[in-house]
C-alpha atoms as a PDB file:
ATOM      1  CA  MET A   1     -69.125 -71.283  22.173  1.00  0.00           C
ATOM      2  CA  ILE A   2     -68.381 -74.995  21.753  1.00  0.00           C
ATOM      3  CA  ARG A   3     -71.014 -75.192  19.036  1.00  0.00           C
ATOM      4  CA  PHE A   4     -69.339 -72.395  17.029  1.00  0.00           C
ATOM      5  CA  LEU A   5     -65.927 -74.024  17.494  1.00  0.00           C
ATOM      6  CA  PHE A   6     -67.302 -77.322  16.194  1.00  0.00           C
ATOM      7  CA  LEU A   7     -68.823 -75.601  13.155  1.00  0.00           C
ATOM      8  CA  GLY A   8     -65.499 -73.851  12.505  1.00  0.00           C
ATOM      9  CA  ILE A   9     -63.634 -77.170  12.506  1.00  0.00           C
ATOM     10  CA  ILE A  10     -66.125 -78.648  10.041  1.00  0.00           C
ATOM     11  CA  LEU A  11     -65.787 -75.581   7.774  1.00  0.00           C
ATOM     12  CA  VAL A  12     -61.960 -75.740   7.758  1.00  0.00           C
ATOM     13  CA  SER A  13     -62.059 -79.488   7.062  1.00  0.00           C
ATOM     14  CA  SER A  14     -64.468 -78.939   4.196  1.00  0.00           C
ATOM     15  CA  LEU A  15     -62.222 -76.267   2.677  1.00  0.00           C
ATOM     16  CA  ASN A  16     -59.233 -78.618   2.851  1.00  0.00           C
ATOM     17  CA  ILE A  17     -61.165 -81.378   1.117  1.00  0.00           C
ATOM     18  CA  PHE A  18     -62.352 -79.107  -1.674  1.00  0.00           C
ATOM     19  CA  SER A  19     -58.869 -77.590  -2.141  1.00  0.00           C
ATOM     20  CA  GLN A  20     -57.310 -80.981  -2.808  1.00  0.00           C
ATOM     21  CA  LYS A  21     -56.634 -81.841  -6.402  1.00  0.00           C
ATOM     22  CA  SER A  22     -58.100 -84.874  -8.110  1.00  0.00           C
ATOM     23  CA  VAL A  23     -56.536 -87.220 -10.639  1.00  0.00           C
ATOM     24  CA  ASN A  24     -58.511 -85.393 -13.336  1.00  0.00           C
ATOM     25  CA  ASP A  25     -56.248 -82.363 -12.855  1.00  0.00           C
ATOM     26  CA  TYR A  26     -53.214 -84.293 -14.140  1.00  0.00           C
ATOM     27  CA  GLU A  27     -52.609 -85.152 -17.778  1.00  0.00           C
ATOM     28  CA  TYR A  28     -50.146 -88.019 -17.377  1.00  0.00           C
ATOM     29  CA  ILE A  29     -49.300 -91.035 -15.259  1.00  0.00           C
ATOM     30  CA  ILE A  30     -45.610 -91.837 -14.661  1.00  0.00           C
ATOM     31  CA  VAL A  31     -44.837 -95.503 -13.973  1.00  0.00           C
ATOM     32  CA  PRO A  32     -41.394 -96.071 -12.415  1.00  0.00           C
ATOM     33  CA  ARG A  33     -39.086 -98.661 -13.933  1.00  0.00           C
ATOM     34  CA  THR A  34     -38.847-100.359 -10.543  1.00  0.00           C
ATOM     35  CA  PHE A  35     -41.171-100.658  -7.563  1.00  0.00           C
ATOM     36  CA  GLU A  36     -39.461-100.362  -4.174  1.00  0.00           C
ATOM     37  CA  PHE A  37     -40.483-103.764  -2.830  1.00  0.00           C
ATOM     38  CA  LEU A  38     -39.054-105.622  -5.855  1.00  0.00           C
ATOM     39  CA  LYS A  39     -35.730-103.780  -6.430  1.00  0.00           C
ATOM     40  CA  LYS A  40     -35.486-104.933 -10.073  1.00  0.00           C
ATOM     41  CA  GLU A  41     -36.556-103.193 -13.268  1.00  0.00           C
ATOM     42  CA  ASP A  42     -39.999-104.413 -14.414  1.00  0.00           C
ATOM     43  CA  ALA A  43     -39.775-107.463 -12.133  1.00  0.00           C
ATOM     44  CA  TYR A  44     -42.522-110.001 -12.929  1.00  0.00           C
ATOM     45  CA  GLN A  45     -43.574-107.490 -15.643  1.00  0.00           C
ATOM     46  CA  LEU A  46     -45.491-105.659 -12.919  1.00  0.00           C
ATOM     47  CA  ASN A  47     -44.463-102.190 -14.148  1.00  0.00           C
ATOM     48  CA  SER A  48     -45.539-103.037 -17.709  1.00  0.00           C
ATOM     49  CA  LEU A  49     -48.878-104.336 -16.442  1.00  0.00           C
ATOM     50  CA  THR A  50     -49.363-101.172 -14.380  1.00  0.00           C
ATOM     51  CA  ARG A  51     -48.870 -98.974 -17.434  1.00  0.00           C
ATOM     52  CA  PHE A  52     -51.200-101.192 -19.510  1.00  0.00           C
ATOM     53  CA  LEU A  53     -53.997-101.028 -16.931  1.00  0.00           C
ATOM     54  CA  PHE A  54     -53.780 -97.246 -16.529  1.00  0.00           C
ATOM     55  CA  ASN A  55     -54.007 -96.832 -20.308  1.00  0.00           C
ATOM     56  CA  LYS A  56     -56.890 -99.322 -20.369  1.00  0.00           C
ATOM     57  CA  TYR A  57     -58.877 -97.085 -18.008  1.00  0.00           C
ATOM     58  CA  GLY A  58     -58.352 -93.905 -20.018  1.00  0.00           C
ATOM     59  CA  PHE A  59     -55.111 -92.483 -18.583  1.00  0.00           C
ATOM     60  CA  ASN A  60     -51.993 -91.457 -20.522  1.00  0.00           C
ATOM     61  CA  ALA A  61     -49.357 -93.606 -18.821  1.00  0.00           C
ATOM     62  CA  TYR A  62     -45.641 -93.721 -19.589  1.00  0.00           C
ATOM     63  CA  VAL A  63     -42.718 -95.606 -18.103  1.00  0.00           C
ATOM     64  CA  GLN A  64     -40.348 -93.197 -16.379  1.00  0.00           C
ATOM     65  CA  GLY A  65     -37.696 -91.897 -18.757  1.00  0.00           C
ATOM     66  CA  LYS A  66     -38.887 -93.958 -21.742  1.00  0.00           C
ATOM     67  CA  GLU A  67     -40.533 -92.196 -24.712  1.00  0.00           C
ATOM     68  CA  MET A  68     -42.156 -89.620 -22.442  1.00  0.00           C
ATOM     69  CA  PRO A  69     -43.847 -86.623 -24.133  1.00  0.00           C
ATOM     70  CA  LYS A  70     -41.757 -83.472 -24.374  1.00  0.00           C
ATOM     71  CA  GLU A  71     -44.098 -81.442 -22.165  1.00  0.00           C
ATOM     72  CA  LEU A  72     -43.907 -84.109 -19.433  1.00  0.00           C
ATOM     73  CA  LYS A  73     -40.095 -84.244 -19.602  1.00  0.00           C
ATOM     74  CA  GLU A  74     -39.952 -80.475 -19.267  1.00  0.00           C
ATOM     75  CA  ASN A  75     -42.556 -80.328 -16.492  1.00  0.00           C
ATOM     76  CA  SER A  76     -43.044 -83.467 -14.387  1.00  0.00           C
ATOM     77  CA  CYS A  77     -45.769 -81.650 -12.410  1.00  0.00           C
ATOM     78  CA  ARG A  78     -48.159 -82.422 -15.280  1.00  0.00           C
ATOM     79  CA  GLY A  79     -48.150 -86.052 -14.177  1.00  0.00           C
ATOM     80  CA  LEU A  80     -48.687 -88.295 -11.164  1.00  0.00           C
ATOM     81  CA  LEU A  81     -46.045 -90.795 -10.067  1.00  0.00           C
ATOM     82  CA  VAL A  82     -47.275 -94.340  -9.362  1.00  0.00           C
ATOM     83  CA  HIS A  83     -46.310 -96.157  -6.184  1.00  0.00           C
ATOM     84  CA  VAL A  84     -47.372 -99.796  -5.872  1.00  0.00           C
ATOM     85  CA  LYS A  85     -46.977-100.906  -2.266  1.00  0.00           C
ATOM     86  CA  LYS A  86     -46.988-104.377  -0.753  1.00  0.00           C
ATOM     87  CA  SER A  87     -48.352-105.276   2.684  1.00  0.00           C
ATOM     88  CA  SER A  88     -46.900-108.126   4.699  1.00  0.00           C
ATOM     89  CA  SER A  89     -48.990-111.275   4.927  1.00  0.00           C
ATOM     90  CA  LEU A  90     -48.130-114.951   5.280  1.00  0.00           C
ATOM     91  CA  PHE A  91     -50.480-116.529   2.759  1.00  0.00           C
ATOM     92  CA  ILE A  92     -52.062-113.547   0.991  1.00  0.00           C
ATOM     93  CA  THR A  93     -50.370-111.131  -1.419  1.00  0.00           C
ATOM     94  CA  LYS A  94     -51.638-107.594  -0.842  1.00  0.00           C
ATOM     95  CA  LEU A  95     -50.941-104.618  -3.129  1.00  0.00           C
ATOM     96  CA  ASN A  96     -52.334-101.118  -3.243  1.00  0.00           C
ATOM     97  CA  ILE A  97     -51.838 -98.213  -5.669  1.00  0.00           C
ATOM     98  CA  GLU A  98     -50.810 -94.731  -4.586  1.00  0.00           C
ATOM     99  CA  LEU A  99     -50.549 -91.657  -6.835  1.00  0.00           C
ATOM    100  CA  LYS A 100     -48.384 -88.694  -5.810  1.00  0.00           C
ATOM    101  CA  ASN A 101     -47.792 -85.338  -7.487  1.00  0.00           C
ATOM    102  CA  CYS A 102     -44.431 -83.590  -7.943  1.00  0.00           C
ATOM    103  CA  GLU A 103     -44.765 -82.043  -4.478  1.00  0.00           C
ATOM    104  CA  ASP A 104     -44.922 -85.550  -2.958  1.00  0.00           C
ATOM    105  CA  GLN A 105     -48.584 -85.058  -2.039  1.00  0.00           C
ATOM    106  CA  VAL A 106     -50.833 -88.123  -2.152  1.00  0.00           C
ATOM    107  CA  VAL A 107     -53.682 -87.540  -4.619  1.00  0.00           C
ATOM    108  CA  PHE A 108     -55.173 -91.043  -4.707  1.00  0.00           C
ATOM    109  CA  VAL A 109     -54.890 -94.323  -2.772  1.00  0.00           C
ATOM    110  CA  SER A 110     -56.679 -97.514  -3.758  1.00  0.00           C
ATOM    111  CA  ALA A 111     -57.949-100.241  -1.484  1.00  0.00           C
ATOM    112  CA  GLU A 112     -55.706-103.298  -1.165  1.00  0.00           C
ATOM    113  CA  GLY A 113     -55.934-105.823  -3.955  1.00  0.00           C
ATOM    114  CA  THR A 114     -55.395-109.402  -2.799  1.00  0.00           C
ATOM    115  CA  SER A 115     -54.393-112.798  -4.172  1.00  0.00           C
ATOM    116  CA  ARG A 116     -53.912-116.272  -2.683  1.00  0.00           C
ATOM    117  CA  GLU A 117     -51.827-117.516  -5.604  1.00  0.00           C
ATOM    118  CA  LYS A 118     -48.540-119.130  -4.541  1.00  0.00           C
ATOM    119  CA  GLU A 119     -46.571-118.254  -7.681  1.00  0.00           C
ATOM    120  CA  PHE A 120     -45.168-114.722  -7.359  1.00  0.00           C
ATOM    121  CA  LYS A 121     -45.994-113.454 -10.858  1.00  0.00           C
ATOM    122  CA  LYS A 122     -49.574-114.738 -10.798  1.00  0.00           C
ATOM    123  CA  ALA A 123     -50.080-113.401  -7.272  1.00  0.00           C
ATOM    124  CA  TYR A 124     -48.744-109.918  -8.060  1.00  0.00           C
ATOM    125  CA  HIS A 125     -50.752-109.642 -11.277  1.00  0.00           C
ATOM    126  CA  GLU A 126     -53.983-110.784  -9.642  1.00  0.00           C
ATOM    127  CA  ALA A 127     -53.547-108.481  -6.631  1.00  0.00           C
ATOM    128  CA  LEU A 128     -52.724-105.517  -8.897  1.00  0.00           C
ATOM    129  CA  ARG A 129     -55.776-106.081 -11.102  1.00  0.00           C
ATOM    130  CA  ASP A 130     -57.891-106.301  -7.956  1.00  0.00           C
ATOM    131  CA  ALA A 131     -56.505-102.961  -6.697  1.00  0.00           C
ATOM    132  CA  PHE A 132     -57.212-101.388 -10.101  1.00  0.00           C
ATOM    133  CA  LYS A 133     -60.952-101.803  -9.509  1.00  0.00           C
ATOM    134  CA  ASP A 134     -60.774 -98.532  -7.559  1.00  0.00           C
ATOM    135  CA  VAL A 135     -58.853 -96.869 -10.395  1.00  0.00           C
ATOM    136  CA  GLN A 136     -61.562 -97.943 -12.834  1.00  0.00           C
ATOM    137  CA  LYS A 137     -64.222 -96.399 -10.580  1.00  0.00           C
ATOM    138  CA  LEU A 138     -62.530 -92.998 -10.923  1.00  0.00           C
ATOM    139  CA  ASN A 139     -63.852 -92.722 -14.510  1.00  0.00           C
ATOM    140  CA  TYR A 140     -60.810 -90.584 -15.272  1.00  0.00           C
ATOM    141  CA  LYS A 141     -61.113 -87.708 -17.714  1.00  0.00           C
ATOM    142  CA  TYR A 142     -58.432 -85.028 -17.935  1.00  0.00           C
ATOM    143  CA  ASN A 143     -59.684 -81.568 -16.961  1.00  0.00           C
ATOM    144  CA  GLU A 144     -58.653 -79.576 -20.041  1.00  0.00           C
ATOM    145  CA  SER A 145     -60.282 -76.399 -18.736  1.00  0.00           C
ATOM    146  CA  GLN A 146     -57.187 -75.568 -16.700  1.00  0.00           C
ATOM    147  CA  GLU A 147     -55.166 -75.529 -19.942  1.00  0.00           C
ATOM    148  CA  GLU A 148     -57.633 -72.976 -21.298  1.00  0.00           C
ATOM    149  CA  ASP A 149     -57.244 -70.942 -18.096  1.00  0.00           C
ATOM    150  CA  LYS A 150     -53.489 -70.773 -18.698  1.00  0.00           C
ATOM    151  CA  LYS A 151     -54.080 -69.403 -22.214  1.00  0.00           C
ATOM    152  CA  ILE A 152     -56.544 -66.747 -20.990  1.00  0.00           C
ATOM    153  CA  VAL A 153     -54.129 -65.289 -18.420  1.00  0.00           C
ATOM    154  CA  GLN A 154     -52.739 -61.990 -19.696  1.00  0.00           C
ATOM    155  CA  ILE A 155     -49.680 -60.199 -18.358  1.00  0.00           C
ATOM    156  CA  THR A 156     -49.887 -56.424 -18.127  1.00  0.00           C
ATOM    157  CA  PRO A 157     -46.603 -54.836 -19.250  1.00  0.00           C
ATOM    158  CA  VAL A 158     -44.784 -53.000 -16.460  1.00  0.00           C
ATOM    159  CA  PRO A 159     -42.709 -49.938 -17.419  1.00  0.00           C
ATOM    160  CA  VAL A 160     -38.992 -50.649 -17.089  1.00  0.00           C
ATOM    161  CA  THR A 161     -36.881 -47.891 -15.566  1.00  0.00           C
ATOM    162  CA  GLU A 162     -33.325 -47.031 -16.593  1.00  0.00           C
ATOM    163  CA  LYS A 163     -32.153 -48.180 -13.149  1.00  0.00           C
ATOM    164  CA  GLN A 164     -33.663 -51.644 -13.704  1.00  0.00           C
ATOM    165  CA  ILE A 165     -31.961 -51.916 -17.114  1.00  0.00           C
ATOM    166  CA  ILE A 166     -28.555 -51.098 -15.604  1.00  0.00           C
ATOM    167  CA  SER A 167     -29.153 -53.623 -12.806  1.00  0.00           C
ATOM    168  CA  ALA A 168     -30.092 -56.332 -15.330  1.00  0.00           C
ATOM    169  CA  GLU A 169     -26.949 -55.627 -17.352  1.00  0.00           C
ATOM    170  CA  LYS A 170     -24.814 -55.998 -14.219  1.00  0.00           C
ATOM    171  CA  GLU A 171     -26.459 -59.350 -13.392  1.00  0.00           C
ATOM    172  CA  LYS A 172     -25.818 -60.538 -16.938  1.00  0.00           C
ATOM    173  CA  ALA A 173     -22.152 -59.553 -16.641  1.00  0.00           C
ATOM    174  CA  VAL A 174     -21.845 -61.577 -13.420  1.00  0.00           C
ATOM    175  CA  GLU A 175     -23.428 -64.618 -15.137  1.00  0.00           C
ATOM    176  CA  ILE A 176     -20.945 -64.410 -18.023  1.00  0.00           C
ATOM    177  CA  LYS A 177     -18.045 -64.080 -15.562  1.00  0.00           C
ATOM    178  CA  ASN A 178     -19.229 -67.168 -13.665  1.00  0.00           C
ATOM    179  CA  GLU A 179     -19.525 -69.183 -16.881  1.00  0.00           C
ATOM    180  CA  VAL A 180     -15.943 -68.291 -17.835  1.00  0.00           C
ATOM    181  CA  SER A 181     -14.692 -69.242 -14.365  1.00  0.00           C
ATOM    182  CA  THR A 182     -16.536 -72.569 -14.523  1.00  0.00           C
ATOM    183  CA  SER A 183     -15.031 -73.528 -17.863  1.00  0.00           C
ATOM    184  CA  SER A 184     -11.540 -72.830 -16.481  1.00  0.00           C
ATOM    185  CA  GLY A 185     -12.117 -75.194 -13.552  1.00  0.00           C
ATOM    186  CA  ASP A 186     -12.744 -72.646 -10.749  1.00  0.00           C
ATOM    187  CA  TYR A 187     -14.268 -74.748  -7.924  1.00  0.00           C
ATOM    188  CA  ALA A 188     -16.315 -71.999  -6.271  1.00  0.00           C
ATOM    189  CA  ASN A 189     -18.257 -71.107  -9.427  1.00  0.00           C
ATOM    190  CA  GLN A 190     -18.993 -74.552 -10.847  1.00  0.00           C
ATOM    191  CA  VAL A 191     -22.624 -75.634 -11.125  1.00  0.00           C
ATOM    192  CA  SER A 192     -23.392 -78.286  -8.514  1.00  0.00           C
ATOM    193  CA  ARG A 193     -26.351 -80.284  -7.219  1.00  0.00           C
ATOM    194  CA  SER A 194     -26.798 -81.858  -3.775  1.00  0.00           C
ATOM    195  CA  TYR A 195     -28.333 -85.289  -3.153  1.00  0.00           C
ATOM    196  CA  VAL A 196     -28.860 -87.583  -0.182  1.00  0.00           C
ATOM    197  CA  LEU A 197     -28.154 -91.330  -0.175  1.00  0.00           C
ATOM    198  CA  ASN A 198     -28.231 -93.417   3.016  1.00  0.00           C
ATOM    199  CA  ASN A 199     -28.264 -90.237   5.153  1.00  0.00           C
ATOM    200  CA  LYS A 200     -25.076 -88.987   3.467  1.00  0.00           C
ATOM    201  CA  VAL A 201     -24.869 -85.851   1.341  1.00  0.00           C
ATOM    202  CA  PHE A 202     -23.324 -86.141  -2.123  1.00  0.00           C
ATOM    203  CA  VAL A 203     -22.558 -83.343  -4.580  1.00  0.00           C
ATOM    204  CA  PHE A 204     -22.748 -83.663  -8.378  1.00  0.00           C
ATOM    205  CA  LYS A 205     -20.427 -81.018  -9.811  1.00  0.00           C
ATOM    206  CA  LYS A 206     -20.854 -80.198 -13.509  1.00  0.00           C
ATOM    207  CA  LYS A 207     -17.950 -81.184 -15.756  1.00  0.00           C
ATOM    208  CA  GLU A 208     -17.383 -81.503 -19.512  1.00  0.00           C
ATOM    209  CA  TYR A 209     -17.676 -85.305 -19.285  1.00  0.00           C
ATOM    210  CA  GLY A 210     -20.765 -85.187 -17.041  1.00  0.00           C
ATOM    211  CA  TYR A 211     -20.407 -84.756 -13.264  1.00  0.00           C
ATOM    212  CA  GLU A 212     -17.772 -85.125 -10.590  1.00  0.00           C
ATOM    213  CA  LEU A 213     -19.123 -87.093  -7.616  1.00  0.00           C
ATOM    214  CA  SER A 214     -18.096 -85.962  -4.122  1.00  0.00           C
ATOM    215  CA  LYS A 215     -19.218 -86.868  -0.613  1.00  0.00           C
ATOM    216  CA  LYS A 216     -19.740 -84.112   1.923  1.00  0.00           C
ATOM    217  CA  GLU A 217     -18.034 -84.626   5.271  1.00  0.00           C
ATOM    218  CA  GLY A 218     -18.542 -81.624   7.502  1.00  0.00           C
ATOM    219  CA  GLU A 219     -17.497 -78.608   5.451  1.00  0.00           C
ATOM    220  CA  LYS A 220     -15.261 -80.670   3.159  1.00  0.00           C
ATOM    221  CA  LEU A 221     -16.017 -82.400  -0.141  1.00  0.00           C
ATOM    222  CA  ILE A 222     -14.292 -85.762  -0.600  1.00  0.00           C
ATOM    223  CA  PHE A 223     -13.856 -86.901  -4.214  1.00  0.00           C
ATOM    224  CA  SER A 224     -15.800 -90.146  -4.755  1.00  0.00           C
ATOM    225  CA  GLY A 225     -15.775 -90.726  -8.518  1.00  0.00           C
ATOM    226  CA  LYS A 226     -16.906 -89.555 -11.941  1.00  0.00           C
ATOM    227  CA  ILE A 227     -20.283 -89.686 -13.694  1.00  0.00           C
ATOM    228  CA  TYR A 228     -19.933 -89.874 -17.472  1.00  0.00           C
ATOM    229  CA  LYS A 229     -22.703 -88.711 -19.848  1.00  0.00           C
ATOM    230  CA  LEU A 230     -23.377 -91.420 -22.440  1.00  0.00           C
ATOM    231  CA  ARG A 231     -24.586 -90.865 -25.997  1.00  0.00           C
ATOM    232  CA  LYS A 232     -28.048 -92.167 -25.149  1.00  0.00           C
ATOM    233  CA  ASP A 233     -30.319 -89.457 -23.773  1.00  0.00           C
ATOM    234  CA  ASN A 234     -30.405 -89.271 -19.935  1.00  0.00           C
ATOM    235  CA  SER A 235     -27.988 -92.185 -19.501  1.00  0.00           C
ATOM    236  CA  TYR A 236     -24.869 -92.069 -17.351  1.00  0.00           C
ATOM    237  CA  LEU A 237     -21.963 -94.341 -16.418  1.00  0.00           C
ATOM    238  CA  ILE A 238     -20.641 -94.028 -12.855  1.00  0.00           C
ATOM    239  CA  ASN A 239     -17.060 -94.850 -11.893  1.00  0.00           C
ATOM    240  CA  GLY A 240     -17.029 -94.506  -8.120  1.00  0.00           C
ATOM    241  CA  GLY A 241     -15.843 -97.601  -6.272  1.00  0.00           C
ATOM    242  CA  ASP A 242     -18.813 -99.291  -4.576  1.00  0.00           C
ATOM    243  CA  LEU A 243     -21.098 -96.743  -6.266  1.00  0.00           C
ATOM    244  CA  SER A 244     -20.035 -97.777  -9.782  1.00  0.00           C
ATOM    245  CA  GLY A 245     -22.827 -98.631 -12.223  1.00  0.00           C
ATOM    246  CA  SER A 246     -25.268 -96.946 -14.596  1.00  0.00           C
ATOM    247  CA  GLY A 247     -27.959 -94.390 -13.887  1.00  0.00           C
ATOM    248  CA  TYR A 248     -30.387 -91.712 -14.992  1.00  0.00           C
ATOM    249  CA  PHE A 249     -32.336 -88.703 -13.655  1.00  0.00           C
ATOM    250  CA  ASP A 250     -36.016 -89.387 -12.980  1.00  0.00           C
ATOM    251  CA  SER A 251     -38.882 -86.948 -13.560  1.00  0.00           C
ATOM    252  CA  PHE A 252     -38.521 -85.488 -10.072  1.00  0.00           C
ATOM    253  CA  GLY A 253     -34.821 -84.724 -10.377  1.00  0.00           C
ATOM    254  CA  ASN A 254     -33.586 -87.692  -8.342  1.00  0.00           C
ATOM    255  CA  PHE A 255     -30.669 -89.743  -9.684  1.00  0.00           C
ATOM    256  CA  ILE A 256     -31.351 -93.497  -9.937  1.00  0.00           C
ATOM    257  CA  LEU A 257     -28.236 -95.691  -9.748  1.00  0.00           C
ATOM    258  CA  GLU A 258     -28.246 -99.348 -10.778  1.00  0.00           C
ATOM    259  CA  ARG A 259     -25.202-101.234  -9.488  1.00  0.00           C
ATOM    260  CA  VAL A 260     -23.919-104.577  -8.222  1.00  0.00           C
ATOM    261  CA  ASN A 261     -23.968-105.129  -4.471  1.00  0.00           C
ATOM    262  CA  PRO A 262     -20.343-106.122  -3.659  1.00  0.00           C
ATOM    263  CA  VAL A 263     -21.524-108.376  -0.810  1.00  0.00           C
ATOM    264  CA  THR A 264     -24.361-110.299  -2.470  1.00  0.00           C
ATOM    265  CA  ASP A 265     -23.371-109.877  -6.169  1.00  0.00           C
ATOM    266  CA  LYS A 266     -26.988-108.907  -6.884  1.00  0.00           C
ATOM    267  CA  ILE A 267     -28.231-105.925  -8.908  1.00  0.00           C
ATOM    268  CA  ILE A 268     -29.659-103.207  -6.649  1.00  0.00           C
ATOM    269  CA  LEU A 269     -31.080 -99.721  -7.142  1.00  0.00           C
ATOM    270  CA  ASP A 270     -29.994 -96.686  -5.152  1.00  0.00           C
ATOM    271  CA  THR A 271     -31.800 -93.352  -5.243  1.00  0.00           C
ATOM    272  CA  PHE A 272     -29.837 -90.141  -4.808  1.00  0.00           C
ATOM    273  CA  ALA A 273     -32.670 -87.952  -3.486  1.00  0.00           C
ATOM    274  CA  ARG A 274     -32.582 -84.357  -4.717  1.00  0.00           C
ATOM    275  CA  GLN A 275     -32.243 -81.740  -1.976  1.00  0.00           C
END
């Protein structure tokens, strides 16, 4: 009995391994503008170097929100998001590379790259290049066969009944009614999105100028400021007290806010995580 149980565990483990996707199943690499441990856009040019090295080893890498291909903007699940993580050490700089898909699943993790350089920029660059040795070993090549599979899929037409047509027309009428209510400022029918920042829930409510920012306290929404859509694509200006600054939506639907910390007078990044 124990023998069969052991074989069953091995079989399930094997199925899990084979069901996991590889980097070859993703067409693009998305490099964030800022890595979490640095808190500044392209600090020490580490983000630029990351993109360069991925392209060097055969990937199609783009900086998040900058000149990204249309198909990647429309579907971020075609790419993997890069996370460069730093481990604490007194005299050694340690970095490793992690790739996650749009479902926040880890697809690849490199071994730690190390450096004993004292100067930050040299140390980060050397440690990153060292970590990229594992990326190079992947011998990446995009699996185009899955694109062909998508083209081969055929949809068999399903007969539509008169009852379904009437139901669809009713749904359309409700949509039109909601749109009219929204344009007239009806609170209940306005398009809104919920985000979490520092364990607090915020709501972005669609407006003509962009979004109205509110903080959720119990069942109430407390007005916190306005988010203005700028002329530049995916760029916003936030007027919201301590949350004032500029921001943009990343490929996973989160809102990235760049602002001045009122205590330290330093530029910091806040992430409104999509719910």
